[in-house]
N, C-alpha and C. Protein backbone atom coordinates (compact mmCIF):
# COMPACT_ATOMS: atom_id res chain seq x y z
N UNK A 1 -10.89 -20.76 53.24
CA UNK A 1 -11.96 -20.98 52.31
C UNK A 1 -12.15 -19.77 51.39
N UNK A 2 -12.09 -18.57 51.94
CA UNK A 2 -12.26 -17.38 51.12
C UNK A 2 -11.18 -17.29 50.05
N UNK A 3 -9.97 -17.65 50.35
CA UNK A 3 -8.90 -17.60 49.37
C UNK A 3 -9.21 -18.49 48.18
N UNK A 4 -9.79 -19.67 48.43
CA UNK A 4 -10.12 -20.59 47.35
C UNK A 4 -11.17 -20.00 46.44
N UNK A 5 -12.19 -19.39 46.98
CA UNK A 5 -13.25 -18.79 46.18
C UNK A 5 -12.71 -17.64 45.34
N UNK A 6 -11.90 -16.78 45.95
CA UNK A 6 -11.34 -15.66 45.20
C UNK A 6 -10.42 -16.14 44.09
N UNK A 7 -9.68 -17.20 44.35
CA UNK A 7 -8.80 -17.76 43.33
C UNK A 7 -9.61 -18.28 42.16
N UNK A 8 -10.68 -19.00 42.45
CA UNK A 8 -11.53 -19.54 41.37
C UNK A 8 -12.17 -18.41 40.56
N UNK A 9 -12.68 -17.40 41.25
CA UNK A 9 -13.31 -16.27 40.55
C UNK A 9 -12.27 -15.56 39.69
N UNK A 10 -11.07 -15.38 40.22
CA UNK A 10 -10.00 -14.73 39.46
C UNK A 10 -9.63 -15.52 38.21
N UNK A 11 -9.60 -16.83 38.30
CA UNK A 11 -9.28 -17.67 37.15
C UNK A 11 -10.37 -17.57 36.09
N UNK A 12 -11.64 -17.58 36.51
CA UNK A 12 -12.75 -17.47 35.56
C UNK A 12 -12.72 -16.12 34.87
N UNK A 13 -12.53 -15.04 35.62
CA UNK A 13 -12.48 -13.70 35.02
C UNK A 13 -11.29 -13.59 34.08
N UNK A 14 -10.14 -14.08 34.48
CA UNK A 14 -8.95 -14.02 33.62
C UNK A 14 -9.17 -14.85 32.35
N UNK A 15 -9.78 -16.00 32.47
CA UNK A 15 -10.07 -16.85 31.30
C UNK A 15 -11.03 -16.16 30.35
N UNK A 16 -12.07 -15.53 30.88
CA UNK A 16 -13.03 -14.81 30.03
C UNK A 16 -12.36 -13.64 29.32
N UNK A 17 -11.50 -12.94 30.04
CA UNK A 17 -10.79 -11.81 29.42
C UNK A 17 -9.88 -12.30 28.30
N UNK A 18 -9.25 -13.44 28.48
CA UNK A 18 -8.38 -13.98 27.44
C UNK A 18 -9.17 -14.34 26.20
N UNK A 19 -10.36 -14.92 26.36
CA UNK A 19 -11.20 -15.27 25.21
C UNK A 19 -11.66 -14.02 24.48
N UNK A 20 -12.13 -13.02 25.22
CA UNK A 20 -12.58 -11.77 24.61
C UNK A 20 -11.42 -11.09 23.91
N UNK A 21 -10.25 -11.07 24.53
CA UNK A 21 -9.06 -10.47 23.91
C UNK A 21 -8.67 -11.18 22.64
N UNK A 22 -8.78 -12.50 22.61
CA UNK A 22 -8.45 -13.26 21.40
C UNK A 22 -9.40 -12.93 20.27
N UNK A 23 -10.68 -12.81 20.58
CA UNK A 23 -11.67 -12.47 19.55
C UNK A 23 -11.41 -11.07 19.03
N UNK A 24 -11.11 -10.13 19.91
CA UNK A 24 -10.83 -8.76 19.48
C UNK A 24 -9.60 -8.71 18.60
N UNK A 25 -8.55 -9.43 18.96
CA UNK A 25 -7.34 -9.42 18.15
C UNK A 25 -7.56 -10.09 16.81
N UNK A 26 -8.35 -11.15 16.78
CA UNK A 26 -8.62 -11.82 15.50
C UNK A 26 -9.35 -10.87 14.56
N UNK A 27 -10.29 -10.09 15.09
CA UNK A 27 -11.00 -9.13 14.25
C UNK A 27 -10.08 -8.06 13.71
N UNK A 28 -9.16 -7.59 14.52
CA UNK A 28 -8.21 -6.57 14.09
C UNK A 28 -7.29 -7.12 13.01
N UNK A 29 -6.83 -8.34 13.18
CA UNK A 29 -5.91 -8.93 12.20
C UNK A 29 -6.58 -9.09 10.85
N UNK A 30 -7.83 -9.52 10.82
CA UNK A 30 -8.50 -9.70 9.54
C UNK A 30 -8.76 -8.37 8.86
N UNK A 31 -9.03 -7.33 9.63
CA UNK A 31 -9.24 -6.00 9.04
C UNK A 31 -7.94 -5.45 8.46
N UNK A 32 -6.82 -5.76 9.10
CA UNK A 32 -5.53 -5.24 8.64
C UNK A 32 -5.09 -5.87 7.32
N UNK A 33 -5.61 -7.05 6.97
CA UNK A 33 -5.20 -7.72 5.75
C UNK A 33 -6.01 -7.28 4.53
N UNK A 34 -7.02 -6.43 4.72
CA UNK A 34 -7.82 -5.95 3.59
C UNK A 34 -6.96 -5.07 2.70
N UNK A 35 -7.25 -5.11 1.39
CA UNK A 35 -6.47 -4.32 0.42
C UNK A 35 -6.68 -2.83 0.66
N UNK A 36 -5.59 -2.03 0.65
CA UNK A 36 -5.73 -0.60 0.88
C UNK A 36 -6.36 0.10 -0.33
N UNK A 37 -7.01 1.21 -0.09
CA UNK A 37 -7.55 2.02 -1.16
C UNK A 37 -6.44 2.97 -1.61
N UNK A 38 -6.19 3.01 -2.91
CA UNK A 38 -5.13 3.88 -3.43
C UNK A 38 -5.71 4.81 -4.48
N UNK A 39 -5.03 5.94 -4.68
CA UNK A 39 -5.41 6.89 -5.71
C UNK A 39 -4.27 6.95 -6.71
N UNK A 40 -4.53 6.54 -7.95
CA UNK A 40 -3.48 6.49 -8.97
C UNK A 40 -3.40 7.80 -9.75
N UNK A 41 -2.17 8.15 -10.15
CA UNK A 41 -1.89 9.30 -11.00
C UNK A 41 -1.11 8.77 -12.20
N UNK A 42 -1.77 8.63 -13.32
CA UNK A 42 -1.14 8.06 -14.51
C UNK A 42 -0.40 9.16 -15.28
N UNK A 43 0.87 8.93 -15.56
CA UNK A 43 1.69 9.89 -16.30
C UNK A 43 1.69 9.56 -17.78
N UNK A 44 1.76 8.29 -18.11
CA UNK A 44 1.74 7.83 -19.50
C UNK A 44 0.62 6.82 -19.66
N UNK A 45 -0.29 6.91 -20.60
CA UNK A 45 -0.43 8.08 -21.46
C UNK A 45 -0.93 9.27 -20.67
N UNK A 46 -0.57 10.46 -21.13
CA UNK A 46 -0.87 11.69 -20.40
C UNK A 46 -2.35 11.85 -20.14
N UNK A 47 -2.70 12.15 -18.88
CA UNK A 47 -4.09 12.35 -18.49
C UNK A 47 -4.48 13.83 -18.50
N UNK A 48 -3.49 14.71 -18.50
CA UNK A 48 -3.76 16.15 -18.52
C UNK A 48 -4.32 16.64 -17.19
N UNK A 49 -4.35 17.94 -17.02
CA UNK A 49 -4.92 18.54 -15.81
C UNK A 49 -3.97 18.45 -14.63
N UNK A 50 -4.32 19.19 -13.59
CA UNK A 50 -3.52 19.21 -12.37
C UNK A 50 -4.09 18.18 -11.41
N UNK A 51 -3.23 17.37 -10.83
CA UNK A 51 -3.66 16.36 -9.88
C UNK A 51 -2.87 16.56 -8.58
N UNK A 52 -3.43 17.29 -7.62
CA UNK A 52 -2.69 17.55 -6.38
C UNK A 52 -2.51 16.27 -5.57
N UNK A 53 -1.33 16.09 -5.01
CA UNK A 53 -1.07 14.95 -4.15
C UNK A 53 0.28 15.12 -3.48
N UNK A 54 0.95 14.02 -3.15
CA UNK A 54 2.18 14.04 -2.40
C UNK A 54 3.44 14.19 -3.25
N UNK A 55 3.33 14.16 -4.57
CA UNK A 55 4.50 14.21 -5.46
C UNK A 55 4.62 15.59 -6.08
N UNK A 56 5.77 16.24 -5.85
CA UNK A 56 5.95 17.58 -6.41
C UNK A 56 6.67 17.56 -7.76
N UNK A 57 7.41 16.48 -8.06
CA UNK A 57 8.01 16.36 -9.39
C UNK A 57 8.11 14.89 -9.79
N UNK A 58 7.92 14.65 -11.09
CA UNK A 58 7.98 13.31 -11.66
C UNK A 58 8.58 13.46 -13.06
N UNK A 59 9.84 13.06 -13.22
CA UNK A 59 10.54 13.21 -14.50
C UNK A 59 10.87 11.82 -15.03
N UNK A 60 10.23 11.43 -16.12
CA UNK A 60 10.49 10.13 -16.72
C UNK A 60 11.89 10.11 -17.31
N UNK A 61 12.70 9.14 -16.90
CA UNK A 61 14.08 9.05 -17.41
C UNK A 61 14.24 7.94 -18.43
N UNK A 62 13.35 6.95 -18.43
CA UNK A 62 13.40 5.88 -19.42
C UNK A 62 12.01 5.29 -19.58
N UNK A 63 11.68 4.93 -20.84
CA UNK A 63 10.37 4.37 -21.12
C UNK A 63 10.43 3.63 -22.45
N UNK A 64 10.08 2.35 -22.44
CA UNK A 64 9.95 1.60 -23.69
C UNK A 64 8.68 0.74 -23.58
N UNK A 65 8.54 -0.27 -24.41
CA UNK A 65 7.30 -1.05 -24.42
C UNK A 65 7.18 -2.00 -23.23
N UNK A 66 8.25 -2.15 -22.44
CA UNK A 66 8.21 -3.11 -21.35
C UNK A 66 8.49 -2.52 -19.97
N UNK A 67 9.31 -1.45 -19.89
CA UNK A 67 9.67 -0.93 -18.58
C UNK A 67 9.82 0.58 -18.60
N UNK A 68 9.86 1.17 -17.40
CA UNK A 68 10.01 2.61 -17.25
C UNK A 68 10.73 2.92 -15.95
N UNK A 69 11.35 4.11 -15.88
CA UNK A 69 11.93 4.65 -14.65
C UNK A 69 11.69 6.16 -14.64
N UNK A 70 11.70 6.72 -13.45
CA UNK A 70 11.49 8.17 -13.29
C UNK A 70 12.15 8.65 -12.02
N UNK A 71 12.63 9.89 -12.03
CA UNK A 71 13.11 10.56 -10.83
C UNK A 71 11.90 11.25 -10.20
N UNK A 72 11.69 10.98 -8.93
CA UNK A 72 10.47 11.44 -8.27
C UNK A 72 10.81 12.12 -6.95
N UNK A 73 10.12 13.22 -6.67
CA UNK A 73 10.24 13.87 -5.37
C UNK A 73 8.91 13.74 -4.65
N UNK A 74 8.91 13.01 -3.55
CA UNK A 74 7.74 12.89 -2.67
C UNK A 74 7.92 13.95 -1.60
N UNK A 75 7.01 14.94 -1.57
CA UNK A 75 7.21 16.04 -0.62
C UNK A 75 6.42 15.88 0.67
N UNK A 76 5.42 15.03 0.69
CA UNK A 76 4.67 14.76 1.93
C UNK A 76 3.94 13.44 1.76
N UNK A 77 3.50 12.89 2.86
CA UNK A 77 2.76 11.63 2.79
C UNK A 77 3.61 10.50 2.26
N UNK A 78 2.98 9.57 1.56
CA UNK A 78 3.68 8.41 1.00
C UNK A 78 3.15 8.13 -0.39
N UNK A 79 4.06 7.81 -1.31
CA UNK A 79 3.69 7.50 -2.69
C UNK A 79 4.56 6.36 -3.21
N UNK A 80 4.06 5.65 -4.24
CA UNK A 80 4.80 4.55 -4.83
C UNK A 80 4.50 4.45 -6.32
N UNK A 81 5.27 3.64 -7.02
CA UNK A 81 5.12 3.47 -8.47
C UNK A 81 3.94 2.55 -8.79
N UNK A 82 3.25 2.85 -9.89
CA UNK A 82 2.19 1.98 -10.40
C UNK A 82 2.47 1.71 -11.87
N UNK A 83 2.34 0.45 -12.28
CA UNK A 83 2.60 0.03 -13.66
C UNK A 83 1.41 -0.81 -14.13
N UNK A 84 0.84 -0.45 -15.27
CA UNK A 84 -0.27 -1.21 -15.86
C UNK A 84 0.23 -1.93 -17.10
N UNK A 85 -0.17 -3.20 -17.25
CA UNK A 85 0.31 -4.04 -18.35
C UNK A 85 -0.84 -4.47 -19.25
N UNK A 86 -0.50 -4.88 -20.49
CA UNK A 86 -1.51 -5.21 -21.49
C UNK A 86 -2.37 -6.43 -21.12
N UNK A 87 -1.91 -7.27 -20.21
CA UNK A 87 -2.74 -8.41 -19.80
C UNK A 87 -3.76 -8.01 -18.73
N UNK A 88 -3.80 -6.72 -18.37
CA UNK A 88 -4.75 -6.21 -17.39
C UNK A 88 -4.21 -6.14 -15.97
N UNK A 89 -3.01 -6.66 -15.76
CA UNK A 89 -2.45 -6.63 -14.40
C UNK A 89 -1.95 -5.24 -14.05
N UNK A 90 -1.97 -4.95 -12.76
CA UNK A 90 -1.47 -3.68 -12.23
C UNK A 90 -0.43 -4.02 -11.17
N UNK A 91 0.73 -3.42 -11.28
CA UNK A 91 1.82 -3.68 -10.35
C UNK A 91 2.13 -2.42 -9.55
N UNK A 92 2.13 -2.56 -8.21
CA UNK A 92 2.41 -1.43 -7.31
C UNK A 92 3.76 -1.61 -6.66
N UNK A 93 4.57 -0.55 -6.69
CA UNK A 93 5.83 -0.55 -5.96
C UNK A 93 5.57 -0.20 -4.51
N UNK A 94 6.57 -0.35 -3.65
CA UNK A 94 6.37 -0.02 -2.24
C UNK A 94 6.16 1.48 -2.02
N UNK A 95 5.38 1.81 -1.01
CA UNK A 95 5.18 3.21 -0.65
C UNK A 95 6.47 3.79 -0.08
N UNK A 96 6.80 5.02 -0.49
CA UNK A 96 8.01 5.70 -0.03
C UNK A 96 7.63 6.95 0.75
N UNK A 97 8.41 7.26 1.75
CA UNK A 97 8.24 8.47 2.54
C UNK A 97 8.82 9.67 1.78
N UNK A 98 8.66 10.89 2.29
CA UNK A 98 9.22 12.06 1.61
C UNK A 98 10.71 11.91 1.32
N UNK A 99 11.11 12.40 0.14
CA UNK A 99 12.49 12.36 -0.30
C UNK A 99 12.57 12.24 -1.81
N UNK A 100 13.79 12.07 -2.32
CA UNK A 100 14.02 11.88 -3.75
C UNK A 100 14.18 10.39 -4.02
N UNK A 101 13.46 9.87 -5.01
CA UNK A 101 13.43 8.44 -5.28
C UNK A 101 13.51 8.17 -6.77
N UNK A 102 13.93 6.98 -7.13
CA UNK A 102 13.82 6.50 -8.51
C UNK A 102 12.70 5.49 -8.52
N UNK A 103 11.59 5.85 -9.16
CA UNK A 103 10.46 4.93 -9.30
C UNK A 103 10.62 4.20 -10.62
N UNK A 104 10.00 3.06 -10.75
CA UNK A 104 10.05 2.31 -11.99
C UNK A 104 9.18 1.08 -11.92
N UNK A 105 9.04 0.44 -13.06
CA UNK A 105 8.26 -0.79 -13.12
C UNK A 105 8.49 -1.46 -14.45
N UNK A 106 8.03 -2.72 -14.55
CA UNK A 106 8.13 -3.44 -15.81
C UNK A 106 6.96 -4.39 -15.95
N UNK A 107 6.75 -4.85 -17.17
CA UNK A 107 5.66 -5.78 -17.47
C UNK A 107 6.21 -7.14 -17.90
N UNK A 108 7.37 -7.50 -17.40
CA UNK A 108 7.97 -8.78 -17.76
C UNK A 108 7.00 -9.92 -17.45
N UNK A 109 6.66 -10.70 -18.46
CA UNK A 109 5.74 -11.81 -18.30
C UNK A 109 4.27 -11.42 -18.28
N UNK A 110 3.97 -10.15 -18.50
CA UNK A 110 2.59 -9.68 -18.42
C UNK A 110 2.22 -8.83 -19.64
N UNK A 111 2.85 -9.08 -20.77
CA UNK A 111 2.55 -8.31 -21.98
C UNK A 111 3.41 -7.07 -22.08
N UNK A 112 2.81 -6.01 -22.59
CA UNK A 112 3.54 -4.76 -22.78
C UNK A 112 3.02 -3.68 -21.83
N UNK A 113 3.82 -2.64 -21.68
CA UNK A 113 3.48 -1.52 -20.82
C UNK A 113 2.35 -0.70 -21.46
N UNK A 114 1.27 -0.47 -20.71
CA UNK A 114 0.17 0.34 -21.23
C UNK A 114 0.03 1.68 -20.50
N UNK A 115 0.47 1.75 -19.24
CA UNK A 115 0.38 3.00 -18.48
C UNK A 115 1.30 2.91 -17.27
N UNK A 116 1.77 4.07 -16.80
CA UNK A 116 2.55 4.11 -15.57
C UNK A 116 2.40 5.46 -14.90
N UNK A 117 2.76 5.50 -13.64
CA UNK A 117 2.67 6.73 -12.86
C UNK A 117 2.96 6.43 -11.40
N UNK A 118 2.24 7.12 -10.50
CA UNK A 118 2.43 6.88 -9.08
C UNK A 118 1.08 6.79 -8.41
N UNK A 119 1.07 6.26 -7.20
CA UNK A 119 -0.14 6.20 -6.39
C UNK A 119 0.17 6.74 -5.00
N UNK A 120 -0.85 7.25 -4.36
CA UNK A 120 -0.71 7.77 -3.01
C UNK A 120 -1.38 6.80 -2.05
N UNK A 121 -0.75 6.55 -0.96
CA UNK A 121 -1.32 5.58 -0.02
C UNK A 121 -1.24 6.05 1.40
């Protein structure tokens, strides 16, 4: 008889733990899908001043009314390309770890290029 009672209690406790665990995981998943906060550093048009962050060099290698590319050195943290277009859209490239990278972007289908640079994430 005691075995039956302990089995029932164990099933109830395990079931309750599963429900609580599911609720906790659902909360975590919804928080993970929120948009990240980023800090943009616009290179064109020039913003002037020193902007400390994860990028130690950013050399624009190509730039026209629709697209751009640059050689970039990410020295710490993570950074990615940001492109702003005349229709108001903003396009973010993937975040990159430290190293030498070619960043770039385009406004194909979104008007003309209005600004570009990098963001830290």
